[in-house]
Amino acid sequence: MLMSKAGYARHRNVSRQTVYGWVAKGEVVMSGNKIDVEATERRSAGDECLSSNGRLSMTARQLIEWVHTHDGKYPPAQSQDEARELVAKAVKLIAYDIEFISDDEDEEETAVIISFDDCEHIFRGFHQLDEAMYFIRDYFYAECLTADLRGIGSSKELDPDGVIITMERLKALCTPLETDEARHKRFYGEVN
């Protein structure tokens, strides 16, 4: 679908000046003097940023903007297991190892250990998965900012340890770990 700049501004609920800025920066796909909405949305979802080998071909700055734009936009995890899977996928963006430890009798003793070489980060208690995800996101942002400051061009050059940045891992980083309703259900049983 093609839209005028004014129509696209209404569609996205932003000002026309914002859309003109996006056009100037090349952040929208143009077809003549109209905006190609589907192509722009595919680009923002990362579909057009995939190279032939499945790696993303975004710059460090584009990765930061993508994560910022998509943070919280995916359906949240509905269980603790699903939340753990998301954290395990996201941690692959930073080349750390992850281990989940739990004491079945005491939920407060549940822990997430994220480690690299001799460095360990341990997250315990009720919000341990959220805190672990904040750590991963902050570390990922720091890596991207460092790469951007050094002038490293594409994401495949971000990490010398060979981290592969995939759309699945980025989406995991942006997905809320658990809704309040799912958390309530987990602690108090079925909600009537």
Protein backbone atom coordinates (compact mmCIF):
# COMPACT_ATOMS: atom_id res chain seq x y z
CA MET A 1 0.00 0.00 0.00
CA LEU A 2 1.30 3.44 -0.91
CA MET A 3 0.60 6.48 1.29
CA SER A 4 1.33 10.16 1.16
CA LYS A 5 3.64 11.55 3.83
CA ALA A 6 0.65 13.16 5.59
CA GLY A 7 -1.32 9.90 5.42
CA TYR A 8 1.62 7.94 6.79
CA ALA A 9 1.97 10.46 9.62
CA ARG A 10 -1.69 9.82 10.57
CA HIS A 11 -1.14 6.05 10.17
CA ARG A 12 1.82 6.12 12.58
CA ASN A 13 0.29 8.79 14.85
CA VAL A 14 3.28 11.14 14.47
CA SER A 15 3.73 14.62 13.04
CA ARG A 16 4.39 15.24 9.35
CA GLN A 17 7.75 16.74 10.34
CA THR A 18 8.72 13.41 11.90
CA VAL A 19 7.84 11.61 8.67
CA TYR A 20 9.83 14.14 6.63
CA GLY A 21 12.79 13.44 8.94
CA TRP A 22 12.42 9.69 8.36
CA VAL A 23 12.32 10.26 4.60
CA ALA A 24 15.46 12.42 4.76
CA LYS A 25 17.29 9.73 6.77
CA GLY A 26 16.13 6.95 4.44
CA GLU A 27 14.21 5.19 7.21
CA VAL A 28 11.11 4.69 5.05
CA VAL A 29 10.84 2.99 1.66
CA MET A 30 9.74 5.40 -1.05
CA SER A 31 7.96 4.57 -4.29
CA GLY A 32 8.05 7.79 -6.27
CA ASN A 33 6.81 10.45 -3.88
CA LYS A 34 4.71 8.00 -1.82
CA ILE A 35 5.70 5.80 1.12
CA ASP A 36 5.52 2.03 0.57
CA VAL A 37 3.99 1.02 3.92
CA GLU A 38 4.49 -2.77 3.64
CA ALA A 39 8.14 -2.46 2.58
CA THR A 40 8.79 0.06 5.37
CA GLU A 41 7.23 -2.26 7.96
CA ARG A 42 9.23 -5.23 6.67
CA ARG A 43 12.39 -3.17 6.96
CA SER A 44 11.54 -2.09 10.49
CA ALA A 45 10.90 -5.75 11.39
CA GLY A 46 14.34 -6.60 10.08
CA ASP A 47 13.25 -8.80 7.15
CA GLU A 48 15.24 -6.74 4.64
CA CYS A 49 18.29 -6.66 6.91
CA LEU A 50 18.95 -10.38 6.64
CA SER A 51 21.97 -11.34 4.57
CA SER A 52 22.17 -14.58 2.59
CA ASN A 53 23.72 -16.40 5.57
CA GLY A 54 20.91 -15.39 7.98
CA ARG A 55 22.90 -12.75 9.83
CA LEU A 56 21.53 -9.27 10.23
CA SER A 57 23.24 -6.57 8.25
CA MET A 58 22.38 -3.60 10.45
CA THR A 59 24.86 -1.12 11.85
CA ALA A 60 25.35 -0.89 15.60
CA ARG A 61 23.27 2.28 15.72
CA GLN A 62 20.45 0.61 13.75
CA LEU A 63 20.49 -2.33 16.17
CA ILE A 64 20.08 0.01 19.15
CA GLU A 65 17.25 1.85 17.41
CA TRP A 66 15.58 -1.44 16.44
CA VAL A 67 15.66 -2.78 20.00
CA HIS A 68 14.44 0.56 21.38
CA THR A 69 11.57 0.68 18.85
CA HIS A 70 10.47 -2.94 19.36
CA ASP A 71 10.97 -3.23 23.13
CA GLY A 72 7.77 -4.55 24.70
CA LYS A 73 5.92 -4.86 21.37
CA TYR A 74 5.73 -8.67 21.33
CA PRO A 75 3.26 -10.78 23.32
CA PRO A 76 4.69 -11.44 26.79
CA ALA A 77 5.78 -14.82 28.05
CA GLN A 78 2.94 -16.69 29.69
CA SER A 79 4.99 -18.93 31.95
CA GLN A 80 8.26 -19.07 33.82
CA ASP A 81 9.57 -21.67 31.35
CA GLU A 82 8.77 -19.43 28.38
CA ALA A 83 10.47 -16.51 30.12
CA ARG A 84 13.57 -18.65 30.74
CA GLU A 85 13.66 -19.57 27.04
CA LEU A 86 13.60 -15.88 26.10
CA VAL A 87 16.48 -15.09 28.46
CA ALA A 88 18.44 -18.08 27.11
CA LYS A 89 17.96 -16.82 23.52
CA ALA A 90 18.81 -13.22 24.37
CA VAL A 91 21.99 -14.10 26.27
CA LYS A 92 23.42 -15.46 23.01
CA LEU A 93 23.66 -11.83 21.85
CA ILE A 94 26.47 -11.21 24.35
CA ALA A 95 28.48 -14.47 24.26
CA TYR A 96 27.85 -15.29 27.92
CA ASP A 97 26.83 -18.69 29.30
CA ILE A 98 23.64 -19.05 31.30
CA GLU A 99 22.56 -21.50 33.99
CA PHE A 100 19.25 -21.73 35.85
CA ILE A 101 19.35 -23.05 39.42
CA SER A 102 16.27 -23.54 41.58
CA ASP A 103 15.44 -24.89 44.97
CA ASP A 104 12.01 -26.49 44.56
CA GLU A 105 11.09 -25.75 48.16
CA ASP A 106 11.96 -22.04 48.17
CA GLU A 107 11.11 -19.86 45.16
CA GLU A 108 13.36 -17.10 46.52
CA GLU A 109 16.37 -19.33 45.99
CA THR A 110 15.76 -19.55 42.25
CA ALA A 111 18.81 -18.08 40.54
CA VAL A 112 20.10 -17.23 37.11
CA ILE A 113 23.86 -17.30 36.65
CA ILE A 114 25.26 -15.50 33.62
CA SER A 115 28.97 -16.07 33.27
CA PHE A 116 31.90 -15.38 30.95
CA ASP A 117 35.41 -16.61 31.78
CA ASP A 118 35.97 -15.72 35.46
CA CYS A 119 33.10 -13.22 35.67
CA GLU A 120 29.74 -14.32 37.11
CA HIS A 121 26.52 -12.37 37.52
CA ILE A 122 23.96 -14.02 39.78
CA PHE A 123 20.31 -12.94 39.90
CA ARG A 124 18.21 -14.35 42.77
CA GLY A 125 14.61 -14.09 43.80
CA PHE A 126 11.24 -13.10 42.38
CA HIS A 127 12.43 -10.73 39.65
CA GLN A 128 15.60 -12.61 38.72
CA LEU A 129 14.62 -13.16 35.09
CA ASP A 130 13.72 -9.50 34.57
CA GLU A 131 16.99 -8.43 36.18
CA ALA A 132 18.96 -10.88 34.04
CA MET A 133 17.27 -9.52 30.91
CA TYR A 134 18.10 -5.93 31.97
CA PHE A 135 21.72 -6.99 32.35
CA ILE A 136 21.74 -8.59 28.88
CA ARG A 137 20.09 -5.55 27.29
CA ASP A 138 22.48 -3.11 28.97
CA TYR A 139 25.51 -5.18 27.95
CA PHE A 140 24.20 -5.43 24.38
CA TYR A 141 23.65 -1.66 24.23
CA ALA A 142 27.16 -1.08 25.56
CA GLU A 143 28.64 -3.39 22.90
CA CYS A 144 26.68 -1.60 20.17
CA LEU A 145 27.65 1.86 21.43
CA THR A 146 31.30 0.85 21.64
CA ALA A 147 31.17 -0.50 18.08
CA ASP A 148 29.45 2.67 16.87
CA LEU A 149 32.07 4.88 18.53
CA ARG A 150 34.84 2.81 16.95
CA GLY A 151 33.17 3.15 13.56
CA ILE A 152 32.57 -0.57 13.10
CA GLY A 153 30.04 -0.85 10.28
CA SER A 154 27.93 -4.00 10.42
CA SER A 155 26.59 -6.17 13.23
CA LYS A 156 28.66 -9.17 12.17
CA GLU A 157 31.73 -7.18 13.24
CA LEU A 158 30.36 -6.23 16.66
CA ASP A 159 31.88 -9.00 18.69
CA PRO A 160 35.24 -10.64 18.15
CA ASP A 161 33.98 -13.81 19.86
CA GLY A 162 31.75 -14.56 16.89
CA VAL A 163 28.34 -13.67 18.31
CA ILE A 164 25.74 -14.02 15.60
CA ILE A 165 22.96 -11.47 15.87
CA THR A 166 19.71 -12.97 14.63
CA MET A 167 16.17 -11.63 14.51
CA GLU A 168 15.05 -14.41 16.89
CA ARG A 169 17.56 -13.26 19.51
CA LEU A 170 16.66 -9.60 19.07
CA LYS A 171 12.95 -10.40 19.42
CA ALA A 172 13.69 -12.37 22.61
CA LEU A 173 15.50 -9.30 23.97
CA CYS A 174 12.41 -7.16 23.28
CA THR A 175 9.73 -9.54 24.59
CA PRO A 176 8.24 -8.89 28.05
CA LEU A 177 9.04 -11.84 30.26
CA GLU A 178 5.73 -12.31 32.00
CA THR A 179 2.40 -10.55 32.36
CA ASP A 180 1.15 -9.59 35.80
CA GLU A 181 -1.75 -12.02 35.30
CA ALA A 182 0.59 -14.91 34.45
CA ARG A 183 2.80 -14.02 37.44
CA HIS A 184 -0.24 -13.91 39.73
CA LYS A 185 -1.41 -17.27 38.37
CA ARG A 186 2.02 -18.80 38.94
CA PHE A 187 2.12 -17.70 42.60
CA TYR A 188 -1.53 -17.98 43.60
CA GLY A 189 -2.98 -20.59 41.26
CA GLU A 190 -5.93 -20.18 38.91
CA VAL A 191 -7.60 -16.77 38.83
CA ASN A 192 -11.41 -16.93 39.13
